């Protein structure tokens, strides 16, 4: 039987959820297209043992439950844990054909280009580095493959038990005070900011780091634009993320109390704690995994690791006047230069962080072993944040539907919430509309007039309902199926009127179109709703009103105490 082996190259800035869910869902469909080829459990390059992770795990099992993945799909796909012994040596000699599919690859690519090579060699390899390996939407004749994608994403692909248990503990601690909580993912990732040209929204070294990355993308032909663009114009078009300060003002306009608990998701926060200062001032109960989990709990999740030397930043030796003079004399003849323009001051904290190379060198240094290990840890932190964000009472994305073609954390969370709990409060913000509103009051954002507040509330509240779902389906689903898994992954207990169903120009359902559920699902749904009505508290309006408890009572909550115990943070981090 043919064998399909996978090598996954995961970009540093790409999150666990956004890459692996999209990739594995595409992958299981490829097996059917490739005449039931045996799938070898893929390797995730960010979590190989050579990158410093614990010997307790293999690459795939670092994040996911391997046995669950194999057993759930046993009737759909043949999966093996490793290559047969007689083929491992051939793999090391690179004797297998390799393919690098794009995330927009069509089924014809596999039938016409990949399949002949598979029949000839019996073994092929896929190198996936673009967030996926098959187009998001498939023809109507392949509806069953789309449904297989649902089974993979929402049932077969489960995080390993340790991650799920700790994630549930974090959710319980957030709710221990009796209040609901909001999860917020800023989406401030260096690669995305560089792709869209959002450097001017930051200051000093962070702006220069974004421009350096953008120059790399232009050189590698990821983008075909000018290096220097007007970030404010890009922001007004909705191509840049909402900054934490802007999100705080929006939540205030919606009526969220200062006591509201906000969970900060995401393993990368480009700009450091400095960009969070305004949001933290508006909502003091801004917490993250370090606030809710002890060091021991996080260490147990990582597993036993071999000690590595910490990264230490060393300033290059200062050149003497004699050396500078010799370099000048060896430089050759040239016209008398004009006096150089005054440089901006280089602050001490800019020389001591991970980005200190920028003040001394033109090229980014090669990641150290500790850097590689930290990148693997980020996968775990994103996995924890994914669990908490899906379970949150409210989810607010800072940068989804960004249009780069790469999957993003927020869109995956929104799709998972839509599948598990369609009635949950998930804001689907139109950033272009929000920036138009901010431009009206940008000079006095903290004291907007009532008309402005009413318009903000109207837009954000409408994004929770049908209009938000339709917009999400139009913008996100063509790039990422799992961001809006309807109607393929769902059914309706009561049929929707034809007049309310909405289709796109290509005939795809934007709203409605789900099949009617079988009787056993309807019965189970009625029984579950009765149980939920009895056992679950009503959180619908709690976040939007002032709490009746006193300050002393509120200070006793788990989240407040955890926040108070945080170590002192550096605003220049």
Protein backbone atom coordinates (compact mmCIF):
# COMPACT_ATOMS: atom_id res chain seq x y z
CA UNK A 1 0.00 0.00 0.00
CA UNK A 2 1.35 3.51 -0.79
CA UNK A 3 2.76 5.50 2.11
CA UNK A 4 2.47 9.23 2.71
CA UNK A 5 5.03 10.80 5.02
CA UNK A 6 4.93 14.39 6.17
CA UNK A 7 7.58 16.93 7.06
CA UNK A 8 6.05 20.07 8.55
CA UNK A 9 8.00 23.32 8.55
CA UNK A 10 6.24 25.59 11.03
CA UNK A 11 7.11 29.31 10.86
CA UNK A 12 8.23 30.71 14.20
CA UNK A 13 5.40 33.20 14.48
CA UNK A 14 2.62 30.81 13.52
CA UNK A 15 0.51 29.53 16.36
CA UNK A 16 -0.20 25.95 17.32
CA UNK A 17 -3.93 26.03 16.71
CA UNK A 18 -3.92 27.97 13.46
CA UNK A 19 -1.38 25.73 11.76
CA UNK A 20 -1.92 22.23 13.07
CA UNK A 21 -5.72 22.15 12.92
CA UNK A 22 -5.80 23.45 9.35
CA UNK A 23 -2.96 21.17 8.27
CA UNK A 24 -4.20 17.90 9.78
CA UNK A 25 -7.73 18.42 8.55
CA UNK A 26 -6.44 18.92 5.00
CA UNK A 27 -4.11 15.97 5.37
CA UNK A 28 -6.74 13.35 6.19
CA UNK A 29 -8.67 14.34 3.10
CA UNK A 30 -5.53 13.89 0.99
CA UNK A 31 -5.32 10.25 2.03
CA UNK A 32 -8.67 9.56 0.43
CA UNK A 33 -7.66 11.42 -2.69
CA UNK A 34 -4.43 9.43 -2.83
CA UNK A 35 -6.12 6.03 -3.01
CA UNK A 36 -6.07 5.23 0.70
CA UNK A 37 -2.37 5.87 1.14
CA UNK A 38 -1.14 5.07 4.64
CA UNK A 39 -0.51 8.26 6.59
CA UNK A 40 2.55 8.42 8.82
CA UNK A 41 1.98 10.51 11.95
CA UNK A 42 3.44 13.88 10.94
CA UNK A 43 6.41 15.55 12.54
CA UNK A 44 6.11 19.14 13.68
CA UNK A 45 9.49 20.76 13.22
CA UNK A 46 8.98 23.18 16.12
CA UNK A 47 8.67 20.30 18.60
CA UNK A 48 11.37 17.87 17.56
CA UNK A 49 13.66 16.52 20.26
CA UNK A 50 16.57 18.20 18.47
CA UNK A 51 14.90 21.51 19.38
CA UNK A 52 15.31 20.80 23.08
CA UNK A 53 11.91 19.42 24.10
CA UNK A 54 11.53 16.74 26.74
CA UNK A 55 12.41 13.16 25.77
CA UNK A 56 9.04 12.23 27.27
CA UNK A 57 7.30 13.26 24.04
CA UNK A 58 7.49 12.71 20.33
CA UNK A 59 6.84 15.58 17.97
CA UNK A 60 3.09 15.04 17.43
CA UNK A 61 2.35 13.88 20.98
CA UNK A 62 3.92 17.08 22.36
CA UNK A 63 0.54 18.69 21.63
CA UNK A 64 -1.99 16.07 20.63
CA UNK A 65 -3.44 12.76 21.79
CA UNK A 66 -1.88 10.39 19.28
CA UNK A 67 -4.00 7.36 20.18
CA UNK A 68 -7.24 9.33 19.92
CA UNK A 69 -6.26 10.59 16.48
CA UNK A 70 -5.50 7.09 15.19
CA UNK A 71 -8.47 5.29 16.74
CA UNK A 72 -11.12 7.85 15.78
CA UNK A 73 -10.10 7.83 12.12
CA UNK A 74 -9.48 4.09 11.81
CA UNK A 75 -12.53 3.68 9.55
CA UNK A 76 -11.54 6.61 7.33
CA UNK A 77 -7.76 6.65 7.07
CA UNK A 78 -5.00 4.11 7.70
CA UNK A 79 -2.48 5.72 10.03
CA UNK A 80 0.91 4.40 11.17
CA UNK A 81 3.11 5.85 13.89
CA UNK A 82 6.39 5.57 11.96
CA UNK A 83 7.92 4.45 8.71
CA UNK A 84 8.77 0.74 8.38
CA UNK A 85 12.37 0.00 9.33
CA UNK A 86 13.36 -0.88 5.77
CA UNK A 87 12.33 2.61 4.58
CA UNK A 88 13.93 4.76 7.26
CA UNK A 89 17.38 4.54 5.70
CA UNK A 90 15.97 5.49 2.30
CA UNK A 91 14.38 8.52 3.88
CA UNK A 92 17.72 9.69 5.26
CA UNK A 93 19.18 9.40 1.75
CA UNK A 94 16.31 11.56 0.38
CA UNK A 95 15.21 8.86 -2.05
CA UNK A 96 11.50 9.72 -1.80
CA UNK A 97 9.80 12.33 -4.00
CA UNK A 98 8.98 15.50 -2.05
CA UNK A 99 6.20 17.99 -2.73
CA UNK A 100 5.61 21.46 -1.29
CA UNK A 101 1.88 22.13 -1.80
CA UNK A 102 0.35 25.55 -1.29
CA UNK A 103 -2.57 26.11 1.04
CA UNK A 104 -4.72 26.82 -2.03
CA UNK A 105 -3.80 23.57 -3.84
CA UNK A 106 -6.75 21.99 -5.63
CA UNK A 107 -7.68 18.28 -5.66
CA UNK A 108 -6.45 18.16 -9.28
CA UNK A 109 -2.92 18.93 -8.06
CA UNK A 110 -2.88 15.69 -6.08
CA UNK A 111 -4.62 13.63 -8.76
CA UNK A 112 -2.47 14.85 -11.64
CA UNK A 113 0.91 15.69 -10.06
CA UNK A 114 1.22 13.74 -6.82
CA UNK A 115 -0.68 10.54 -7.57
CA UNK A 116 1.52 9.36 -10.49
CA UNK A 117 4.65 9.76 -8.34
CA UNK A 118 2.96 7.92 -5.48
CA UNK A 119 2.09 4.97 -7.74
CA UNK A 120 5.63 4.85 -9.07
CA UNK A 121 7.62 5.12 -5.83
CA UNK A 122 5.01 3.91 -3.26
CA UNK A 123 6.30 6.55 -0.83
CA UNK A 124 6.12 10.34 -1.05
CA UNK A 125 6.73 13.18 1.36
CA UNK A 126 4.89 16.46 1.80
CA UNK A 127 6.65 19.53 3.12
CA UNK A 128 3.95 21.84 4.44
CA UNK A 129 4.99 25.37 5.36
CA UNK A 130 2.08 27.53 4.22
CA UNK A 131 -0.54 26.76 6.87
CA UNK A 132 -2.34 24.07 4.88
CA UNK A 133 -2.13 21.87 1.82
CA UNK A 134 -5.58 21.99 0.17
CA UNK A 135 -8.04 24.70 -0.78
CA UNK A 136 -10.59 25.70 1.82
CA UNK A 137 -13.81 25.13 -0.11
CA UNK A 138 -14.41 22.06 -2.26
CA UNK A 139 -16.97 21.33 -4.99
CA UNK A 140 -20.42 20.13 -3.95
CA UNK A 141 -19.53 16.65 -5.19
CA UNK A 142 -16.96 16.39 -2.38
CA UNK A 143 -19.35 17.19 0.45
CA UNK A 144 -18.46 13.97 2.28
CA UNK A 145 -14.81 15.01 2.35
CA UNK A 146 -15.82 18.32 3.88
CA UNK A 147 -17.69 16.40 6.57
CA UNK A 148 -14.64 14.23 7.17
CA UNK A 149 -12.82 17.48 7.79
CA UNK A 150 -15.34 18.26 10.53
CA UNK A 151 -14.79 14.90 12.22
CA UNK A 152 -11.05 15.44 12.20
CA UNK A 153 -11.10 18.99 13.51
CA UNK A 154 -13.67 18.66 16.26
CA UNK A 155 -13.37 15.03 17.35
CA UNK A 156 -10.22 13.22 16.18
CA UNK A 157 -7.79 16.06 16.82
CA UNK A 158 -7.70 16.48 20.61
CA UNK A 159 -5.04 18.12 22.73
CA UNK A 160 -3.24 15.73 25.04
CA UNK A 161 -4.93 15.20 28.39
CA UNK A 162 -2.42 17.22 30.46
CA UNK A 163 -3.11 20.34 28.38
CA UNK A 164 -6.89 19.88 28.60
CA UNK A 165 -6.84 19.29 32.36
CA UNK A 166 -4.73 22.38 33.08
CA UNK A 167 -6.82 24.45 30.67
CA UNK A 168 -10.03 23.42 32.49
CA UNK A 169 -8.41 24.32 35.82
CA UNK A 170 -7.61 27.78 34.47
CA UNK A 171 -11.24 28.23 33.39
CA UNK A 172 -12.47 27.13 36.83
CA UNK A 173 -10.13 29.59 38.54
CA UNK A 174 -11.34 32.40 36.31
CA UNK A 175 -14.96 31.62 37.26
CA UNK A 176 -14.31 30.97 40.94
CA UNK A 177 -15.29 34.53 41.81
CA UNK A 178 -18.76 33.88 40.42
CA UNK A 179 -18.24 36.21 37.46
CA UNK A 180 -18.03 35.45 33.77
CA UNK A 181 -14.84 36.39 31.94
CA UNK A 182 -13.83 37.71 28.54
CA UNK A 183 -10.95 36.27 26.48
CA UNK A 184 -9.04 38.70 24.27
CA UNK A 185 -6.42 37.77 21.67
CA UNK A 186 -4.53 40.89 20.47
CA UNK A 187 -3.01 39.25 17.38
CA UNK A 188 0.13 41.40 17.68
CA UNK A 189 2.48 39.08 15.81
CA UNK A 190 5.59 40.42 14.13
CA UNK A 191 5.11 38.56 10.84
CA UNK A 192 1.53 39.77 10.39
CA UNK A 193 2.45 43.35 11.26
CA UNK A 194 5.30 43.24 8.75
CA UNK A 195 3.10 41.71 6.05
CA UNK A 196 0.56 44.51 6.27
CA UNK A 197 3.01 47.35 6.90
CA UNK A 198 1.90 48.37 10.40
CA UNK A 199 5.32 49.51 11.65
CA UNK A 200 4.32 53.12 12.35
CA UNK A 201 1.81 52.01 14.97
CA UNK A 202 4.78 51.15 17.21
CA UNK A 203 7.76 53.10 18.47
CA UNK A 204 11.55 52.93 18.44
CA UNK A 205 13.08 49.49 18.13
CA UNK A 206 9.77 47.68 17.57
CA UNK A 207 9.08 49.72 14.45
CA UNK A 208 12.56 48.91 13.14
CA UNK A 209 12.08 45.19 13.86
CA UNK A 210 8.87 45.15 11.83
CA UNK A 211 10.57 46.92 8.91
CA UNK A 212 13.48 44.47 9.03
CA UNK A 213 11.05 41.55 8.80
CA UNK A 214 9.12 43.26 5.99
CA UNK A 215 12.35 43.70 4.02
CA UNK A 216 12.99 39.97 4.41
CA UNK A 217 9.48 39.15 3.14
CA UNK A 218 10.00 41.37 0.09
CA UNK A 219 13.34 39.69 -0.64
CA UNK A 220 11.74 36.23 -0.29
CA UNK A 221 8.81 37.37 -2.51
CA UNK A 222 6.18 36.74 0.12
CA UNK A 223 4.92 40.24 -0.64
CA UNK A 224 5.36 42.45 -3.71
CA UNK A 225 4.96 45.92 -2.23
CA UNK A 226 7.15 48.82 -1.24
CA UNK A 227 9.12 48.59 1.97
CA UNK A 228 7.80 51.88 3.35
CA UNK A 229 4.03 52.30 3.41
CA UNK A 230 1.70 54.58 5.35
CA UNK A 231 0.65 52.49 8.33
CA UNK A 232 -2.16 54.88 9.23
CA UNK A 233 -3.76 54.40 5.79
CA UNK A 234 -3.43 50.64 6.22
CA UNK A 235 -5.02 50.89 9.65
CA UNK A 236 -7.94 52.90 8.27
CA UNK A 237 -8.54 50.13 5.70
CA UNK A 238 -8.77 47.57 8.51
CA UNK A 239 -5.48 45.89 7.60
CA UNK A 240 -3.81 46.44 10.98
CA UNK A 241 -4.83 45.01 14.35
CA UNK A 242 -6.85 46.88 16.92
CA UNK A 243 -4.39 48.05 19.55
CA UNK A 244 -5.10 47.04 23.18
CA UNK A 245 -5.87 50.66 24.05
CA UNK A 246 -8.56 50.78 21.35
CA UNK A 247 -10.05 47.48 22.52
CA UNK A 248 -10.26 48.84 26.07
CA UNK A 249 -12.16 51.92 24.84
CA UNK A 250 -14.56 49.71 22.86
CA UNK A 251 -15.26 47.55 25.91
CA UNK A 252 -15.88 50.68 27.97
CA UNK A 253 -18.31 51.91 25.32
CA UNK A 254 -20.15 48.58 25.56
CA UNK A 255 -20.55 49.11 29.29
CA UNK A 256 -18.06 46.59 30.65
CA UNK A 257 -17.29 47.19 34.29
CA UNK A 258 -13.81 48.05 35.54
CA UNK A 259 -14.06 44.86 37.59
CA UNK A 260 -14.50 42.74 34.44
CA UNK A 261 -12.06 39.83 34.21
CA UNK A 262 -10.16 39.75 30.92
CA UNK A 263 -7.96 36.81 29.94
CA UNK A 264 -5.09 37.76 27.63
CA UNK A 265 -4.50 34.95 25.11
CA UNK A 266 -1.55 34.45 22.80
CA UNK A 267 2.04 33.36 23.37
CA UNK A 268 3.46 36.36 21.48
CA UNK A 269 2.77 39.97 22.39
CA UNK A 270 4.84 42.11 20.05
CA UNK A 271 5.57 45.37 21.76
CA UNK A 272 5.77 43.82 25.22
CA UNK A 273 3.99 45.06 28.32
CA UNK A 274 4.26 48.65 27.12
CA UNK A 275 1.35 48.30 24.69
CA UNK A 276 -0.82 46.80 27.45
CA UNK A 277 -0.43 49.71 29.89
CA UNK A 278 -3.59 51.60 28.72
CA UNK A 279 -5.73 48.44 28.71
CA UNK A 280 -4.46 47.41 32.14
CA UNK A 281 -5.27 50.88 33.50
CA UNK A 282 -8.87 50.54 32.29
CA UNK A 283 -9.27 46.91 33.38
CA UNK A 284 -6.97 46.03 36.30
CA UNK A 285 -8.08 42.37 36.25
CA UNK A 286 -6.18 41.63 33.05
CA UNK A 287 -4.68 38.18 33.59
CA UNK A 288 -2.86 35.52 31.59
CA UNK A 289 -1.58 31.99 32.13
CA UNK A 290 1.23 33.16 34.43
CA UNK A 291 -1.39 34.71 36.71
CA UNK A 292 -3.48 31.56 36.92
CA UNK A 293 -0.88 28.77 36.88
CA UNK A 294 2.01 28.12 39.21
CA UNK A 295 5.52 27.58 37.90
CA UNK A 296 5.26 23.92 38.90
CA UNK A 297 2.10 23.39 36.85
CA UNK A 298 3.66 24.87 33.74
CA UNK A 299 6.85 22.87 34.28
CA UNK A 300 4.87 19.62 34.54
CA UNK A 301 3.19 20.44 31.23
CA UNK A 302 6.57 20.95 29.57
CA UNK A 303 8.06 17.77 31.04
CA UNK A 304 11.63 17.08 32.22
CA UNK A 305 14.16 18.88 30.04
CA UNK A 306 17.93 18.91 29.83
CA UNK A 307 19.29 22.16 31.32
CA UNK A 308 20.53 24.67 28.75
CA UNK A 309 22.60 27.82 29.30
CA UNK A 310 20.52 30.98 29.47
CA UNK A 311 20.84 33.49 26.65
CA UNK A 312 23.21 36.27 27.64
CA UNK A 313 23.54 39.43 25.62
CA UNK A 314 27.12 40.52 25.13
CA UNK A 315 27.96 43.95 23.80
CA UNK A 316 30.59 43.85 21.03
CA UNK A 317 34.00 45.23 22.06
CA UNK A 318 34.33 48.95 21.52
CA UNK A 319 36.80 49.93 18.81
CA UNK A 320 39.68 52.20 19.72
CA UNK A 321 40.42 55.45 17.94
CA UNK A 322 43.40 53.78 16.28
CA UNK A 323 41.24 50.99 14.84
CA UNK A 324 38.64 53.44 13.57
CA UNK A 325 41.36 55.51 11.89
CA UNK A 326 42.86 52.42 10.21
CA UNK A 327 39.45 51.40 8.88
CA UNK A 328 38.94 54.89 7.53
CA UNK A 329 42.31 54.86 5.73
CA UNK A 330 41.64 51.43 4.19
CA UNK A 331 38.24 52.44 2.88
CA UNK A 332 39.72 54.02 -0.27
CA UNK A 333 39.13 57.34 -1.98
CA UNK A 334 35.68 58.88 -1.92
CA UNK A 335 34.13 62.34 -2.00
CA UNK A 336 34.12 64.30 1.21
CA UNK A 337 30.98 63.15 3.03
CA UNK A 338 28.34 65.45 4.40
CA UNK A 339 27.88 65.48 8.17
CA UNK A 340 25.64 62.55 9.09
CA UNK A 341 22.12 63.36 10.32
CA UNK A 342 21.63 63.01 14.03
CA UNK A 343 20.66 59.48 14.99
CA UNK A 344 17.78 58.79 17.31
CA UNK A 345 19.02 57.93 20.80
CA UNK A 346 19.57 54.24 21.52
CA UNK A 347 18.24 53.46 24.98
CA UNK A 348 19.85 50.94 27.29
CA UNK A 349 16.84 48.62 27.36
CA UNK A 350 17.03 48.38 23.56
CA UNK A 351 20.53 46.91 23.82
CA UNK A 352 19.81 44.33 26.49
CA UNK A 353 16.71 42.50 25.19
CA UNK A 354 16.40 39.71 22.63
CA UNK A 355 16.30 42.45 19.98
CA UNK A 356 19.58 44.06 21.04
CA UNK A 357 21.25 42.88 17.82
CA UNK A 358 19.34 45.56 15.92
CA UNK A 359 21.45 48.37 17.39
CA UNK A 360 24.74 46.73 16.41
CA UNK A 361 24.23 44.43 13.40
CA UNK A 362 22.40 44.36 10.08
CA UNK A 363 21.34 40.71 10.30
CA UNK A 364 19.28 38.85 12.87
CA UNK A 365 21.34 36.29 14.78
CA UNK A 366 20.74 32.55 14.46
CA UNK A 367 18.39 31.28 17.20
CA UNK A 368 20.17 29.66 20.12
CA UNK A 369 19.16 26.31 21.63
CA UNK A 370 17.24 28.19 24.31
CA UNK A 371 15.41 30.19 21.63
CA UNK A 372 14.39 26.97 19.88
CA UNK A 373 13.14 25.48 23.14
CA UNK A 374 11.15 28.62 23.92
CA UNK A 375 9.54 28.42 20.47
CA UNK A 376 8.44 24.86 21.26
CA UNK A 377 7.04 26.07 24.59
CA UNK A 378 4.98 28.65 22.73
CA UNK A 379 3.03 25.82 21.14
CA UNK A 380 1.97 24.66 24.60
CA UNK A 381 1.07 28.17 25.75
CA UNK A 382 -1.05 28.68 22.63
CA UNK A 383 -2.74 25.34 23.29
CA UNK A 384 -3.66 26.42 26.84
CA UNK A 385 -4.93 29.76 25.57
CA UNK A 386 -6.98 27.98 22.93
CA UNK A 387 -8.76 25.90 25.58
CA UNK A 388 -9.49 28.97 27.73
CA UNK A 389 -10.62 31.11 24.77
CA UNK A 390 -13.07 28.47 23.53
CA UNK A 391 -14.59 28.14 27.02
CA UNK A 392 -14.72 31.89 27.69
CA UNK A 393 -18.10 33.56 28.19
CA UNK A 394 -17.10 36.26 25.68
CA UNK A 395 -14.36 36.29 23.02
CA UNK A 396 -12.97 39.46 21.43
CA UNK A 397 -10.46 39.11 18.53
CA UNK A 398 -7.89 41.83 17.94
CA UNK A 399 -6.79 40.72 14.47
CA UNK A 400 -8.74 38.08 12.54
CA UNK A 401 -9.57 37.93 8.82
CA UNK A 402 -6.29 39.71 8.13
CA UNK A 403 -6.21 38.60 4.50
CA UNK A 404 -2.65 37.24 4.29
CA UNK A 405 -3.90 33.73 3.51
CA UNK A 406 -2.28 32.34 6.65
CA UNK A 407 -4.54 30.85 9.35
CA UNK A 408 -4.79 32.80 12.59
CA UNK A 409 -5.50 31.93 16.21
CA UNK A 410 -8.61 34.10 16.59
CA UNK A 411 -10.36 32.64 13.54
CA UNK A 412 -9.77 29.09 14.80
CA UNK A 413 -11.20 29.99 18.20
CA UNK A 414 -14.23 31.63 16.61
CA UNK A 415 -14.88 28.57 14.44
CA UNK A 416 -14.55 26.20 17.41
CA UNK A 417 -16.94 28.32 19.50
CA UNK A 418 -19.41 28.44 16.60
CA UNK A 419 -19.35 24.64 16.36
CA UNK A 420 -19.57 23.89 20.09
CA UNK A 421 -21.78 26.76 21.30
CA UNK A 422 -23.32 28.82 18.49
CA UNK A 423 -25.11 31.09 20.97
CA UNK A 424 -21.93 32.13 22.81
CA UNK A 425 -20.97 35.81 22.67
CA UNK A 426 -18.26 36.12 20.01
CA UNK A 427 -17.57 39.56 18.57
CA UNK A 428 -16.84 39.58 14.82
CA UNK A 429 -15.52 43.10 14.45
CA UNK A 430 -15.24 45.00 11.18
CA UNK A 431 -11.96 46.86 11.80
CA UNK A 432 -12.53 49.26 8.93
CA UNK A 433 -15.81 50.47 10.42
CA UNK A 434 -14.24 50.71 13.88
CA UNK A 435 -11.33 52.81 12.58
CA UNK A 436 -13.77 55.16 10.84
CA UNK A 437 -15.45 55.65 14.19
CA UNK A 438 -12.13 56.18 15.97
CA UNK A 439 -11.09 58.80 13.41
CA UNK A 440 -14.10 60.83 14.49
CA UNK A 441 -12.93 61.04 18.10
CA UNK A 442 -9.22 60.15 17.93
CA UNK A 443 -8.18 63.45 19.53
CA UNK A 444 -10.33 62.71 22.58
CA UNK A 445 -10.85 58.95 22.62
CA UNK A 446 -11.30 58.73 26.37
CA UNK A 447 -14.24 61.17 26.38
CA UNK A 448 -16.40 60.33 23.36
CA UNK A 449 -19.86 61.80 23.01
CA UNK A 450 -22.99 59.73 23.42
CA UNK A 451 -23.72 59.47 19.69
CA UNK A 452 -20.31 57.88 19.13
CA UNK A 453 -20.90 55.38 21.94
CA UNK A 454 -24.31 54.44 20.52
CA UNK A 455 -22.81 53.80 17.07
CA UNK A 456 -20.05 51.61 18.54
CA UNK A 457 -22.56 49.59 20.54
CA UNK A 458 -24.79 49.14 17.50
CA UNK A 459 -21.93 47.80 15.36
CA UNK A 460 -20.45 45.49 17.99
CA UNK A 461 -23.80 44.09 19.10
CA UNK A 462 -24.82 43.43 15.49
CA UNK A 463 -21.55 41.52 14.98
CA UNK A 464 -22.76 38.97 17.54
CA UNK A 465 -25.70 37.95 15.34
CA UNK A 466 -26.58 37.08 11.77
CA UNK A 467 -24.76 40.00 10.12
CA UNK A 468 -21.53 39.06 11.89
CA UNK A 469 -21.88 35.41 10.86
CA UNK A 470 -22.52 36.35 7.24
CA UNK A 471 -19.50 38.65 7.15
CA UNK A 472 -17.30 35.98 8.73
CA UNK A 473 -18.44 33.46 6.14
CA UNK A 474 -17.71 35.87 3.28
CA UNK A 475 -14.25 36.98 4.39
CA UNK A 476 -12.75 34.12 6.34
CA UNK A 477 -14.18 30.85 5.06
CA UNK A 478 -12.68 31.05 1.53
CA UNK A 479 -9.23 31.10 3.19
CA UNK A 480 -9.87 28.97 6.27
CA UNK A 481 -12.73 26.49 6.38
CA UNK A 482 -12.53 25.96 10.15
CA UNK A 483 -13.14 29.64 10.88
CA UNK A 484 -16.78 29.15 9.83
CA UNK A 485 -17.62 25.41 9.72
CA UNK A 486 -21.23 25.96 8.66
CA UNK A 487 -23.32 24.46 7.13
CA UNK A 488 -21.14 21.36 6.55
CA UNK A 489 -20.37 20.63 10.21
CA UNK A 490 -23.80 21.30 11.64
CA UNK A 491 -27.50 20.53 11.41
CA UNK A 492 -30.70 22.29 12.47
CA UNK A 493 -33.27 20.96 14.93
CA UNK A 494 -35.90 23.07 13.15
CA UNK A 495 -35.74 23.99 9.44
CA UNK A 496 -34.86 27.55 8.42
CA UNK A 497 -37.21 29.40 6.10
CA UNK A 498 -35.90 29.61 2.54
CA UNK A 499 -36.37 33.38 2.60
CA UNK A 500 -33.76 33.69 5.38
CA UNK A 501 -31.11 31.61 3.62
CA UNK A 502 -28.37 33.69 2.00
CA UNK A 503 -25.99 32.56 -0.74
CA UNK A 504 -22.85 34.10 -2.19
CA UNK A 505 -22.39 34.87 -5.89
CA UNK A 506 -20.83 31.42 -6.44
CA UNK A 507 -23.83 29.67 -4.86
CA UNK A 508 -22.18 28.91 -1.52
CA UNK A 509 -24.35 29.26 1.59
CA UNK A 510 -23.40 32.28 3.70
CA UNK A 511 -26.24 31.75 6.16
CA UNK A 512 -28.46 28.71 6.51
CA UNK A 513 -28.19 25.61 4.36
CA UNK A 514 -27.77 23.10 7.21
CA UNK A 515 -29.50 19.75 6.91
CA UNK A 516 -32.19 18.84 9.43
CA UNK A 517 -30.85 16.90 12.41
CA UNK A 518 -31.83 13.24 12.90
CA UNK A 519 -34.34 12.46 15.64
CA UNK A 520 -31.77 11.14 18.14
CA UNK A 521 -29.90 14.46 18.04
CA UNK A 522 -33.10 16.44 18.56
CA UNK A 523 -34.00 14.32 21.59
CA UNK A 524 -30.53 14.61 23.08
CA UNK A 525 -30.54 18.37 22.50
CA UNK A 526 -33.81 18.87 24.36
CA UNK A 527 -32.60 16.84 27.36
CA UNK A 528 -29.28 18.72 27.47
CA UNK A 529 -30.95 22.13 27.32
CA UNK A 530 -33.14 21.21 30.32
CA UNK A 531 -30.07 20.15 32.28
CA UNK A 532 -28.19 23.34 31.34
CA UNK A 533 -31.11 25.51 32.45
CA UNK A 534 -30.97 23.95 35.92
CA UNK A 535 -27.23 23.70 36.50
CA UNK A 536 -25.68 26.65 34.66
CA UNK A 537 -25.84 30.25 35.96
CA UNK A 538 -27.05 32.99 33.67
CA UNK A 539 -23.98 34.95 32.54
CA UNK A 540 -25.54 36.85 29.67
CA UNK A 541 -25.56 40.30 31.24
CA UNK A 542 -23.17 39.92 34.18
CA UNK A 543 -20.18 41.32 32.34
CA UNK A 544 -22.05 44.44 31.30
CA UNK A 545 -23.20 45.55 34.75
CA UNK A 546 -21.51 46.64 37.93
CA UNK A 547 -21.18 43.87 40.46
CA UNK A 548 -23.07 44.21 43.73
CA UNK A 549 -20.27 42.81 45.84
CA UNK A 550 -18.01 45.06 47.87
CA UNK A 551 -14.39 45.76 47.05
CA UNK A 552 -13.28 43.57 49.95
CA UNK A 553 -15.28 40.60 48.65
CA UNK A 554 -14.02 41.09 45.14
CA UNK A 555 -10.41 41.19 46.31
CA UNK A 556 -10.81 37.68 47.72
CA UNK A 557 -11.48 36.13 44.32
CA UNK A 558 -8.94 33.76 42.84
CA UNK A 559 -8.18 35.95 39.86
CA UNK A 560 -7.69 39.09 41.89
CA UNK A 561 -5.37 37.35 44.32
CA UNK A 562 -3.46 35.72 41.49
CA UNK A 563 -3.07 39.09 39.81
CA UNK A 564 -1.86 40.69 43.02
CA UNK A 565 0.80 38.04 43.38
CA UNK A 566 2.27 38.64 39.90
CA UNK A 567 5.93 39.47 39.81
CA UNK A 568 6.78 43.06 38.96
CA UNK A 569 6.65 43.50 35.19
CA UNK A 570 8.96 45.66 33.15
CA UNK A 571 7.13 48.19 30.93
CA UNK A 572 10.09 48.11 28.55
CA UNK A 573 9.94 44.34 28.06
